[in-house]
């Protein structure tokens, strides 16, 4: 489960020292709305944020075990994947 800091606007981003979230459904629940906003913003007008979000989480599902909390926070890792998915679309 992800750790969070109560009252922080970034409360759903796990600190680097927090346990790694390995439960895909928990990652999806906490980050899907944010990934959708990123996809919409990065994709510009007319971008289908739902399709892009689905593609991001398809990548995440395959690569969740590759996440290294010593290299980045989970939110930063997801943002990087979102950028790459939007660029490839």
N, C-alpha and C. Protein backbone atom coordinates (compact mmCIF):
# COMPACT_ATOMS: atom_id res chain seq x y z
N UNK A 1 0.83 -1.18 0.00
CA UNK A 1 0.00 0.00 0.00
C UNK A 1 0.87 1.24 0.00
N UNK A 2 0.43 2.30 -0.67
CA UNK A 2 1.20 3.53 -0.73
C UNK A 2 1.09 4.30 0.57
N UNK A 3 2.17 4.91 0.93
CA UNK A 3 2.18 5.79 2.09
C UNK A 3 1.78 7.18 1.60
N UNK A 4 1.17 7.99 2.46
CA UNK A 4 0.82 9.34 2.06
C UNK A 4 1.01 10.29 3.22
N UNK A 5 1.12 11.56 2.86
CA UNK A 5 1.27 12.61 3.86
C UNK A 5 -0.05 13.34 3.92
N UNK A 6 -0.73 13.26 5.04
CA UNK A 6 -2.05 13.88 5.16
C UNK A 6 -1.94 15.40 5.05
N UNK A 7 -2.90 15.98 4.35
CA UNK A 7 -2.97 17.43 4.22
C UNK A 7 -2.09 17.98 3.11
N UNK A 8 -1.28 17.17 2.50
CA UNK A 8 -0.40 17.62 1.43
C UNK A 8 -1.14 17.53 0.11
N UNK A 9 -0.97 18.53 -0.79
CA UNK A 9 -1.62 18.42 -2.09
C UNK A 9 -1.08 17.26 -2.91
N UNK A 10 0.08 16.75 -2.55
CA UNK A 10 0.66 15.60 -3.23
C UNK A 10 0.53 14.36 -2.36
N UNK A 11 -0.56 14.27 -1.63
CA UNK A 11 -0.71 13.20 -0.65
C UNK A 11 -0.69 11.80 -1.24
N UNK A 12 -0.97 11.64 -2.52
CA UNK A 12 -0.98 10.29 -3.08
C UNK A 12 0.36 9.89 -3.68
N UNK A 13 1.35 10.78 -3.62
CA UNK A 13 2.68 10.41 -4.10
C UNK A 13 3.47 9.86 -2.94
N UNK A 14 3.96 8.66 -3.10
CA UNK A 14 4.71 8.02 -2.04
C UNK A 14 6.10 8.62 -1.94
N UNK A 15 6.56 8.93 -0.73
CA UNK A 15 7.93 9.38 -0.57
C UNK A 15 8.89 8.28 -1.00
N UNK A 16 10.10 8.66 -1.37
CA UNK A 16 11.07 7.69 -1.86
C UNK A 16 11.31 6.59 -0.84
N UNK A 17 11.27 6.93 0.44
CA UNK A 17 11.56 5.94 1.47
C UNK A 17 10.35 5.06 1.82
N UNK A 18 9.19 5.36 1.22
CA UNK A 18 7.99 4.59 1.53
C UNK A 18 8.06 3.22 0.86
N UNK A 19 7.32 2.26 1.41
CA UNK A 19 7.28 0.94 0.77
C UNK A 19 6.75 1.05 -0.66
N UNK A 20 7.24 0.21 -1.52
CA UNK A 20 6.83 0.22 -2.93
C UNK A 20 5.42 -0.35 -3.06
N UNK A 21 4.60 0.33 -3.84
CA UNK A 21 3.26 -0.18 -4.11
C UNK A 21 3.38 -1.23 -5.20
N UNK A 22 3.08 -2.46 -4.89
CA UNK A 22 3.16 -3.51 -5.90
C UNK A 22 1.79 -4.02 -6.29
N UNK A 23 0.77 -3.48 -5.70
CA UNK A 23 -0.59 -3.87 -6.00
C UNK A 23 -1.11 -2.96 -7.12
N UNK A 24 -1.27 -3.51 -8.32
CA UNK A 24 -1.67 -2.72 -9.47
C UNK A 24 -2.98 -1.97 -9.22
N UNK A 25 -3.94 -2.63 -8.61
CA UNK A 25 -5.23 -1.97 -8.40
C UNK A 25 -5.10 -0.75 -7.49
N UNK A 26 -4.22 -0.82 -6.52
CA UNK A 26 -3.99 0.33 -5.63
C UNK A 26 -3.31 1.47 -6.39
N UNK A 27 -2.34 1.13 -7.21
CA UNK A 27 -1.66 2.15 -8.02
C UNK A 27 -2.68 2.80 -8.96
N UNK A 28 -3.50 1.99 -9.60
CA UNK A 28 -4.51 2.53 -10.51
C UNK A 28 -5.48 3.44 -9.76
N UNK A 29 -5.97 2.98 -8.63
CA UNK A 29 -6.94 3.76 -7.86
C UNK A 29 -6.37 5.13 -7.48
N UNK A 30 -5.14 5.14 -7.04
CA UNK A 30 -4.56 6.39 -6.57
C UNK A 30 -4.09 7.31 -7.69
N UNK A 31 -3.67 6.75 -8.82
CA UNK A 31 -3.03 7.58 -9.83
C UNK A 31 -3.79 7.76 -11.13
N UNK A 32 -4.83 6.99 -11.40
CA UNK A 32 -5.54 7.10 -12.68
C UNK A 32 -6.07 8.51 -12.95
N UNK A 33 -6.70 9.17 -11.98
CA UNK A 33 -7.18 10.53 -12.28
C UNK A 33 -6.04 11.49 -12.65
N UNK A 34 -4.92 11.37 -11.97
CA UNK A 34 -3.78 12.23 -12.24
C UNK A 34 -3.19 11.91 -13.62
N UNK A 35 -3.03 10.64 -13.93
CA UNK A 35 -2.50 10.24 -15.24
C UNK A 35 -3.42 10.74 -16.34
N UNK A 36 -4.72 10.68 -16.14
CA UNK A 36 -5.67 11.17 -17.12
C UNK A 36 -5.50 12.68 -17.34
N UNK A 37 -5.32 13.43 -16.27
CA UNK A 37 -5.09 14.88 -16.41
C UNK A 37 -3.80 15.15 -17.17
N UNK A 38 -2.74 14.42 -16.81
CA UNK A 38 -1.46 14.60 -17.52
C UNK A 38 -1.62 14.29 -19.00
N UNK A 39 -2.29 13.19 -19.31
CA UNK A 39 -2.46 12.78 -20.71
C UNK A 39 -3.24 13.84 -21.49
N UNK A 40 -4.25 14.37 -20.87
CA UNK A 40 -5.07 15.39 -21.53
C UNK A 40 -4.24 16.66 -21.77
N UNK A 41 -3.50 17.06 -20.77
CA UNK A 41 -2.67 18.27 -20.90
C UNK A 41 -1.54 18.07 -21.91
N UNK A 42 -0.90 16.93 -21.87
CA UNK A 42 0.22 16.67 -22.77
C UNK A 42 -0.23 16.38 -24.19
N UNK A 43 -1.44 15.84 -24.32
CA UNK A 43 -1.94 15.44 -25.63
C UNK A 43 -2.56 16.57 -26.42
N UNK A 44 -2.87 17.65 -25.77
CA UNK A 44 -3.46 18.79 -26.46
C UNK A 44 -4.93 18.58 -26.75
N UNK A 45 -5.53 19.53 -27.45
CA UNK A 45 -6.95 19.46 -27.74
C UNK A 45 -7.28 18.22 -28.59
N UNK A 46 -8.36 17.61 -28.26
CA UNK A 46 -8.81 16.45 -29.02
C UNK A 46 -8.16 15.14 -28.62
N UNK A 47 -7.19 15.20 -27.73
CA UNK A 47 -6.55 13.95 -27.30
C UNK A 47 -7.56 13.14 -26.49
N UNK A 48 -7.57 11.85 -26.70
CA UNK A 48 -8.47 10.99 -25.96
C UNK A 48 -7.76 10.54 -24.68
N UNK A 49 -7.96 11.31 -23.62
CA UNK A 49 -7.26 11.05 -22.36
C UNK A 49 -7.58 9.67 -21.81
N UNK A 50 -8.79 9.18 -22.03
CA UNK A 50 -9.14 7.85 -21.52
C UNK A 50 -8.32 6.76 -22.20
N UNK A 51 -8.18 6.85 -23.52
CA UNK A 51 -7.39 5.86 -24.25
C UNK A 51 -5.91 5.94 -23.85
N UNK A 52 -5.40 7.16 -23.72
CA UNK A 52 -4.01 7.34 -23.32
C UNK A 52 -3.78 6.81 -21.91
N UNK A 53 -4.71 7.07 -21.01
CA UNK A 53 -4.60 6.57 -19.64
C UNK A 53 -4.61 5.06 -19.63
N UNK A 54 -5.47 4.45 -20.42
CA UNK A 54 -5.51 3.00 -20.51
C UNK A 54 -4.17 2.46 -21.00
N UNK A 55 -3.60 3.11 -21.99
CA UNK A 55 -2.31 2.67 -22.53
C UNK A 55 -1.20 2.82 -21.48
N UNK A 56 -1.22 3.92 -20.73
CA UNK A 56 -0.23 4.11 -19.67
C UNK A 56 -0.30 2.97 -18.67
N UNK A 57 -1.49 2.62 -18.24
CA UNK A 57 -1.62 1.56 -17.23
C UNK A 57 -1.39 0.17 -17.80
N UNK A 58 -1.50 0.02 -19.12
CA UNK A 58 -1.10 -1.24 -19.74
C UNK A 58 0.43 -1.39 -19.61
N UNK A 59 1.14 -0.30 -19.85
CA UNK A 59 2.60 -0.31 -19.67
C UNK A 59 2.94 -0.54 -18.20
N UNK A 60 2.26 0.15 -17.32
CA UNK A 60 2.52 0.01 -15.88
C UNK A 60 2.29 -1.42 -15.43
N UNK A 61 1.23 -2.04 -15.89
CA UNK A 61 0.93 -3.42 -15.51
C UNK A 61 2.08 -4.35 -15.89
N UNK A 62 2.64 -4.14 -17.08
CA UNK A 62 3.77 -4.97 -17.52
C UNK A 62 5.06 -4.65 -16.79
N UNK A 63 5.23 -3.40 -16.36
CA UNK A 63 6.52 -2.97 -15.83
C UNK A 63 6.54 -2.61 -14.35
N UNK A 64 5.47 -2.86 -13.62
CA UNK A 64 5.41 -2.45 -12.21
C UNK A 64 6.55 -3.04 -11.39
N UNK A 65 6.95 -4.25 -11.69
CA UNK A 65 8.06 -4.86 -10.96
C UNK A 65 9.39 -4.18 -11.26
N UNK A 66 9.46 -3.41 -12.34
CA UNK A 66 10.68 -2.68 -12.69
C UNK A 66 10.83 -1.38 -11.91
N UNK A 67 9.76 -0.94 -11.26
CA UNK A 67 9.82 0.33 -10.52
C UNK A 67 10.85 0.23 -9.39
N UNK A 68 11.74 1.23 -9.33
CA UNK A 68 12.79 1.28 -8.31
C UNK A 68 12.62 2.56 -7.49
N UNK A 69 12.14 2.45 -6.25
CA UNK A 69 11.91 3.64 -5.44
C UNK A 69 13.20 4.38 -5.08
N UNK A 70 14.34 3.76 -5.29
CA UNK A 70 15.61 4.45 -5.05
C UNK A 70 15.96 5.41 -6.19
N UNK A 71 15.31 5.23 -7.33
CA UNK A 71 15.58 6.09 -8.49
C UNK A 71 14.56 7.20 -8.64
N UNK A 72 13.31 6.97 -8.24
CA UNK A 72 12.26 7.98 -8.43
C UNK A 72 11.06 7.66 -7.58
N UNK A 73 10.24 8.68 -7.33
CA UNK A 73 8.96 8.47 -6.68
C UNK A 73 8.02 7.84 -7.69
N UNK A 74 7.02 7.14 -7.19
CA UNK A 74 6.07 6.46 -8.07
C UNK A 74 5.39 7.44 -9.02
N UNK A 75 4.99 8.59 -8.51
CA UNK A 75 4.34 9.59 -9.35
C UNK A 75 5.23 10.07 -10.48
N UNK A 76 6.50 10.27 -10.21
CA UNK A 76 7.45 10.70 -11.24
C UNK A 76 7.63 9.61 -12.30
N UNK A 77 7.70 8.37 -11.85
CA UNK A 77 7.83 7.24 -12.77
C UNK A 77 6.61 7.16 -13.69
N UNK A 78 5.43 7.31 -13.11
CA UNK A 78 4.19 7.28 -13.90
C UNK A 78 4.13 8.45 -14.88
N UNK A 79 4.58 9.61 -14.46
CA UNK A 79 4.59 10.77 -15.35
C UNK A 79 5.50 10.51 -16.55
N UNK A 80 6.65 9.94 -16.30
CA UNK A 80 7.57 9.61 -17.39
C UNK A 80 6.94 8.65 -18.39
N UNK A 81 6.25 7.64 -17.88
CA UNK A 81 5.56 6.70 -18.77
C UNK A 81 4.46 7.42 -19.54
N UNK A 82 3.74 8.31 -18.88
CA UNK A 82 2.67 9.06 -19.54
C UNK A 82 3.23 9.90 -20.69
N UNK A 83 4.33 10.60 -20.45
CA UNK A 83 4.94 11.41 -21.49
C UNK A 83 5.31 10.55 -22.69
N UNK A 84 5.92 9.41 -22.45
CA UNK A 84 6.34 8.53 -23.56
C UNK A 84 5.13 7.98 -24.33
N UNK A 85 4.08 7.61 -23.61
CA UNK A 85 2.87 7.09 -24.27
C UNK A 85 2.22 8.19 -25.14
N UNK A 86 2.13 9.40 -24.60
CA UNK A 86 1.52 10.49 -25.35
C UNK A 86 2.36 10.82 -26.58
N UNK A 87 3.69 10.82 -26.45
CA UNK A 87 4.55 11.10 -27.60
C UNK A 87 4.42 10.04 -28.68
N UNK A 88 4.21 8.79 -28.27
CA UNK A 88 4.09 7.69 -29.23
C UNK A 88 2.72 7.63 -29.90
N UNK A 89 1.75 8.31 -29.32
CA UNK A 89 0.36 8.25 -29.85
C UNK A 89 0.22 9.04 -31.13
